[in-house]
N, C-alpha and C. Protein backbone atom coordinates (compact mmCIF):
# COMPACT_ATOMS: atom_id res chain seq x y z
N UNK A 1 94.46 98.02 110.95
CA UNK A 1 92.83 99.04 110.04
C UNK A 1 92.87 99.04 111.69
N UNK A 2 92.46 100.65 111.83
CA UNK A 2 91.46 101.30 112.92
C UNK A 2 90.37 101.46 112.44
N UNK A 3 89.41 100.78 113.48
CA UNK A 3 87.92 101.31 113.11
C UNK A 3 87.58 102.62 114.90
N UNK A 4 86.14 103.30 113.67
CA UNK A 4 86.16 104.06 115.24
C UNK A 4 85.75 103.35 116.07
N UNK A 5 85.42 104.29 117.37
CA UNK A 5 85.14 103.38 118.72
C UNK A 5 86.51 103.05 119.60
N UNK A 6 87.49 102.81 118.42
CA UNK A 6 88.74 101.77 119.54
C UNK A 6 89.40 103.17 119.95
N UNK A 7 89.39 102.37 121.49
CA UNK A 7 90.41 103.29 122.80
C UNK A 7 91.65 103.16 122.87
N UNK A 8 92.32 104.61 122.44
CA UNK A 8 93.75 104.36 122.52
C UNK A 8 93.82 105.60 123.57
N UNK A 9 95.33 104.94 124.13
CA UNK A 9 95.51 105.64 125.59
C UNK A 9 97.11 106.12 125.81
N UNK A 10 96.96 107.47 126.07
CA UNK A 10 98.52 108.07 126.43
C UNK A 10 98.84 107.70 127.78
N UNK A 11 99.85 107.80 127.60
CA UNK A 11 100.78 107.78 128.86
C UNK A 11 102.40 108.05 129.11
N UNK A 12 102.17 108.51 130.23
CA UNK A 12 104.50 108.86 130.68
C UNK A 12 103.92 108.55 132.05
N UNK A 13 105.40 106.88 131.42
CA UNK A 13 105.92 106.03 132.41
C UNK A 13 104.25 104.85 132.13
N UNK A 14 104.54 104.81 133.62
CA UNK A 14 103.32 103.58 133.45
C UNK A 14 101.79 104.65 134.53
N UNK A 15 102.09 105.74 134.26
CA UNK A 15 100.35 107.33 134.43
C UNK A 15 99.84 106.77 133.29
N UNK A 16 98.51 106.86 132.89
CA UNK A 16 97.96 106.99 132.09
C UNK A 16 97.44 108.89 132.45
N UNK A 17 97.56 109.31 131.06
CA UNK A 17 97.13 111.03 130.97
C UNK A 17 96.02 110.94 130.61
N UNK A 18 96.07 110.16 128.81
CA UNK A 18 93.94 110.17 129.34
C UNK A 18 93.94 109.31 127.86
N UNK A 19 92.87 109.44 127.62
CA UNK A 19 92.20 108.29 126.35
C UNK A 19 91.47 108.95 125.57
N UNK A 20 92.10 108.31 123.77
CA UNK A 20 91.02 109.16 122.92
C UNK A 20 90.65 107.81 122.52
N UNK A 21 89.10 108.57 122.46
CA UNK A 21 88.29 107.58 121.22
C UNK A 21 88.32 107.39 119.78
N UNK A 22 89.06 106.65 118.71
CA UNK A 22 88.23 107.17 117.26
C UNK A 22 87.15 107.57 117.02
N UNK A 23 86.79 108.54 116.00
CA UNK A 23 85.50 108.89 115.90
C UNK A 23 85.41 109.07 114.49
N UNK A 24 87.01 109.67 114.26
CA UNK A 24 86.71 110.14 112.53
C UNK A 24 88.35 109.76 111.93
N UNK A 25 88.20 109.44 110.59
CA UNK A 25 89.68 109.21 110.37
C UNK A 25 89.59 109.70 108.94
N UNK A 26 90.82 110.07 108.71
CA UNK A 26 91.23 110.96 107.02
C UNK A 26 92.61 110.48 107.20
N UNK A 27 92.46 109.80 106.68
CA UNK A 27 94.62 109.49 106.55
C UNK A 27 95.39 110.15 106.27
N UNK A 28 96.49 110.33 106.87
CA UNK A 28 97.22 109.19 107.62
C UNK A 28 95.80 109.21 109.25
N UNK A 29 95.43 110.73 109.30
CA UNK A 29 95.62 110.99 110.73
C UNK A 29 94.21 110.67 111.53
N UNK A 30 94.25 109.99 112.91
CA UNK A 30 92.90 109.10 113.14
C UNK A 30 92.47 110.93 114.58
N UNK A 31 91.77 111.00 114.52
CA UNK A 31 90.87 112.25 114.82
C UNK A 31 90.06 111.16 116.23
N UNK A 32 89.32 111.92 117.46
CA UNK A 32 89.26 111.22 118.30
C UNK A 32 88.61 112.12 119.72
N UNK A 33 88.10 111.71 120.29
CA UNK A 33 87.85 112.87 121.64
C UNK A 33 88.69 112.34 122.61
N UNK A 34 88.90 113.11 123.48
CA UNK A 34 90.29 112.83 124.10
C UNK A 34 89.33 112.69 126.25
N UNK A 35 89.87 112.30 126.71
CA UNK A 35 89.78 112.39 128.13
C UNK A 35 90.42 112.29 129.12
N UNK A 36 91.40 112.87 129.41
CA UNK A 36 92.27 113.45 130.25
C UNK A 36 92.18 113.04 131.50
N UNK A 37 93.29 112.90 132.08
CA UNK A 37 93.58 112.60 133.28
C UNK A 37 93.89 113.44 133.93
N UNK A 38 93.89 113.66 135.37
CA UNK A 38 94.42 115.02 136.28
C UNK A 38 96.35 115.29 136.25
N UNK A 39 96.55 113.70 135.79
CA UNK A 39 98.12 113.90 135.33
C UNK A 39 98.36 114.68 134.02
N UNK A 40 97.66 114.71 133.62
CA UNK A 40 97.64 115.25 131.59
C UNK A 40 97.89 116.77 132.06
N UNK A 41 97.71 116.80 133.47
CA UNK A 41 98.07 119.01 133.45
C UNK A 41 99.45 118.92 133.41
N UNK A 42 100.34 118.02 133.96
CA UNK A 42 101.78 118.26 133.77
C UNK A 42 102.62 118.57 132.44
N UNK A 43 101.66 118.30 131.34
CA UNK A 43 102.48 117.43 129.50
C UNK A 43 101.52 118.80 129.14
N UNK A 44 100.40 118.96 129.43
CA UNK A 44 99.41 119.89 128.86
C UNK A 44 100.08 121.00 127.99
N UNK A 45 101.07 121.68 128.46
CA UNK A 45 101.77 122.92 128.07
C UNK A 45 102.36 122.65 126.98
N UNK A 46 103.07 121.71 127.00
CA UNK A 46 103.99 120.29 126.04
C UNK A 46 102.35 120.93 124.62
N UNK A 47 101.67 120.71 124.63
CA UNK A 47 100.83 120.10 123.90
C UNK A 47 100.22 121.76 123.27
N UNK A 48 100.22 122.59 124.01
CA UNK A 48 99.72 123.89 123.66
C UNK A 48 100.45 124.79 122.85
N UNK A 49 101.89 124.96 123.14
CA UNK A 49 103.16 124.98 122.47
C UNK A 49 103.49 124.51 121.10
N UNK A 50 103.30 123.53 121.04
CA UNK A 50 102.70 122.66 119.14
C UNK A 50 102.12 123.32 119.16
N UNK A 51 100.51 123.28 119.59
CA UNK A 51 99.78 123.69 118.78
C UNK A 51 100.07 124.96 118.17
N UNK A 52 100.30 126.29 119.09
CA UNK A 52 100.93 127.45 118.65
C UNK A 52 101.49 127.62 117.81
N UNK A 53 102.56 126.90 117.64
CA UNK A 53 103.87 126.61 116.81
C UNK A 53 102.94 126.44 115.24
N UNK A 54 102.25 125.51 115.59
CA UNK A 54 101.73 124.76 113.88
C UNK A 54 100.73 125.90 113.74
N UNK A 55 99.77 127.06 114.22
CA UNK A 55 99.18 128.30 114.13
C UNK A 55 99.67 129.10 113.29
N UNK A 56 101.35 129.48 113.50
CA UNK A 56 102.43 130.18 113.49
C UNK A 56 102.77 129.96 112.35
N UNK A 57 102.60 128.77 111.69
CA UNK A 57 103.10 127.99 110.31
C UNK A 57 104.57 128.17 110.59
N UNK A 58 105.34 127.18 111.93
CA UNK A 58 106.83 126.94 112.76
C UNK A 58 106.90 126.09 112.53
N UNK A 59 107.20 125.00 111.50
CA UNK A 59 107.12 123.77 110.92
C UNK A 59 108.71 122.91 111.70
N UNK A 60 109.60 124.00 111.63
CA UNK A 60 111.02 123.65 112.06
C UNK A 60 111.57 123.27 113.05
N UNK A 61 112.94 123.65 112.92
CA UNK A 61 113.88 123.29 114.62
C UNK A 61 112.63 123.52 115.45
N UNK A 62 111.94 125.13 115.55
CA UNK A 62 111.67 125.45 116.80
C UNK A 62 110.11 124.07 117.30
N UNK A 63 109.48 123.37 116.31
CA UNK A 63 108.36 123.08 116.70
C UNK A 63 109.21 121.60 117.07
N UNK A 64 109.96 121.00 115.94
CA UNK A 64 110.91 119.86 116.78
C UNK A 64 111.65 119.58 118.12
N UNK A 65 111.93 120.71 118.49
CA UNK A 65 112.21 120.96 120.09
C UNK A 65 110.99 121.05 121.00
N UNK A 66 110.01 121.84 120.69
CA UNK A 66 109.02 121.42 121.77
C UNK A 66 107.65 120.35 121.69
N UNK A 67 108.25 119.65 120.59
CA UNK A 67 107.68 118.35 119.89
C UNK A 67 108.15 117.27 121.03
N UNK A 68 109.94 117.38 120.94
CA UNK A 68 110.98 116.25 120.97
C UNK A 68 110.03 116.05 123.40
N UNK A 69 110.21 116.97 123.88
CA UNK A 69 109.12 116.29 125.61
C UNK A 69 108.35 114.77 125.03
N UNK A 70 107.57 115.42 124.40
CA UNK A 70 106.19 114.26 123.99
C UNK A 70 106.43 113.03 123.44
N UNK A 71 107.85 113.23 122.27
CA UNK A 71 108.01 112.40 121.66
C UNK A 71 109.38 111.00 122.53
N UNK A 72 109.63 111.86 123.16
CA UNK A 72 110.90 111.12 124.41
C UNK A 72 109.72 110.59 125.36
N UNK A 73 109.22 111.04 126.29
CA UNK A 73 108.33 110.89 127.55
C UNK A 73 106.74 110.14 127.64
N UNK A 74 106.35 110.02 126.62
CA UNK A 74 104.87 109.99 126.41
C UNK A 74 104.92 108.34 125.15
N UNK A 75 103.80 107.53 125.97
CA UNK A 75 103.97 106.19 125.01
C UNK A 75 102.23 107.00 124.98
N UNK A 76 101.93 105.78 123.67
CA UNK A 76 100.85 105.91 122.62
C UNK A 76 100.51 104.36 122.75
N UNK A 77 99.12 104.34 123.39
CA UNK A 77 98.49 102.43 123.66
C UNK A 77 97.83 102.83 122.30
N UNK A 78 97.94 101.65 121.32
CA UNK A 78 96.93 101.20 120.88
C UNK A 78 96.03 99.94 121.35
N UNK A 79 94.79 99.73 120.56
CA UNK A 79 94.23 98.42 121.56
C UNK A 79 95.27 97.40 121.43
N UNK A 80 95.79 97.14 120.29
CA UNK A 80 96.71 96.07 120.20
C UNK A 80 98.45 95.81 120.53
N UNK A 81 98.86 97.37 120.98
CA UNK A 81 99.34 97.48 121.95
C UNK A 81 100.53 98.64 121.55
N UNK A 82 101.73 98.82 121.99
CA UNK A 82 102.52 100.25 121.81
C UNK A 82 102.15 100.76 120.28
N UNK A 83 102.96 101.65 120.16
CA UNK A 83 102.78 102.91 119.15
C UNK A 83 104.70 102.93 118.92
N UNK A 84 105.41 102.60 117.47
CA UNK A 84 106.50 103.29 117.80
C UNK A 84 106.58 104.25 117.61
N UNK A 85 106.01 105.18 117.01
CA UNK A 85 106.16 106.48 116.65
C UNK A 85 105.18 107.13 116.22
N UNK A 86 104.97 108.15 116.62
CA UNK A 86 103.61 108.83 116.38
C UNK A 86 103.70 110.61 116.58
N UNK A 87 102.83 111.18 116.27
CA UNK A 87 102.40 112.28 115.15
C UNK A 87 101.46 113.20 116.21
N UNK A 88 101.46 113.57 117.63
CA UNK A 88 100.26 113.51 118.48
C UNK A 88 99.56 114.43 118.78
N UNK A 89 98.29 115.64 118.56
CA UNK A 89 97.88 117.05 118.97
C UNK A 89 96.46 116.73 119.87
N UNK A 90 96.47 117.46 121.02
CA UNK A 90 95.88 117.70 121.77
C UNK A 90 94.86 119.25 122.60
N UNK A 91 94.00 119.50 121.88
CA UNK A 91 92.91 120.68 121.85
C UNK A 91 91.99 120.75 122.60
N UNK A 92 92.03 120.69 123.77
CA UNK A 92 90.69 120.59 124.40
C UNK A 92 90.59 118.76 124.57
N UNK A 93 89.20 118.93 124.04
CA UNK A 93 89.14 117.50 124.45
C UNK A 93 88.73 116.56 122.56
N UNK A 94 89.55 117.25 121.82
CA UNK A 94 90.17 116.62 120.63
C UNK A 94 91.24 116.15 120.89
N UNK A 95 92.04 114.99 120.17
CA UNK A 95 92.66 114.47 120.15
C UNK A 95 92.83 114.16 118.04
N UNK A 96 94.36 114.59 118.25
CA UNK A 96 94.52 113.84 116.22
C UNK A 96 95.38 113.99 116.29
N UNK A 97 96.07 112.21 115.47
CA UNK A 97 97.60 111.87 115.17
C UNK A 97 97.94 110.73 114.49
N UNK A 98 99.06 111.33 113.71
CA UNK A 98 99.17 109.67 113.27
C UNK A 98 100.10 108.77 113.41
N UNK A 99 100.13 107.66 113.35
CA UNK A 99 101.20 106.89 113.49
C UNK A 99 102.04 105.82 112.40
C-alpha cells in the first residue's frame, strides 16, 4: 500500500539522482514531485527521449530501446526497499511510474 507523502529515490549505482514525493495515485500509476540532484543531468536525455516517443505514440521497439538504459542502469527505491521492475517517466519537476 502506498501513501501520499511517501518518498521514493532514484539511483544510478550508489549515486542519488532524485527523489519523488508521492502526491497522487491513479492505479497502477503513482505520481509525485521530482527533485533532481545534479547527477540527474547525465541521465535526463534518456527520459526526454522516452517522453518524445510516447508523445509520438511509438510504443514498440524504439521505445523499448530508449527505455533500456533506464531499466538496466537505474534503481528505484521505495520506503520499504528496492523495486524489481518499474516504468518511470520524468518531466521537469514531475514523475510518474508504475511498479
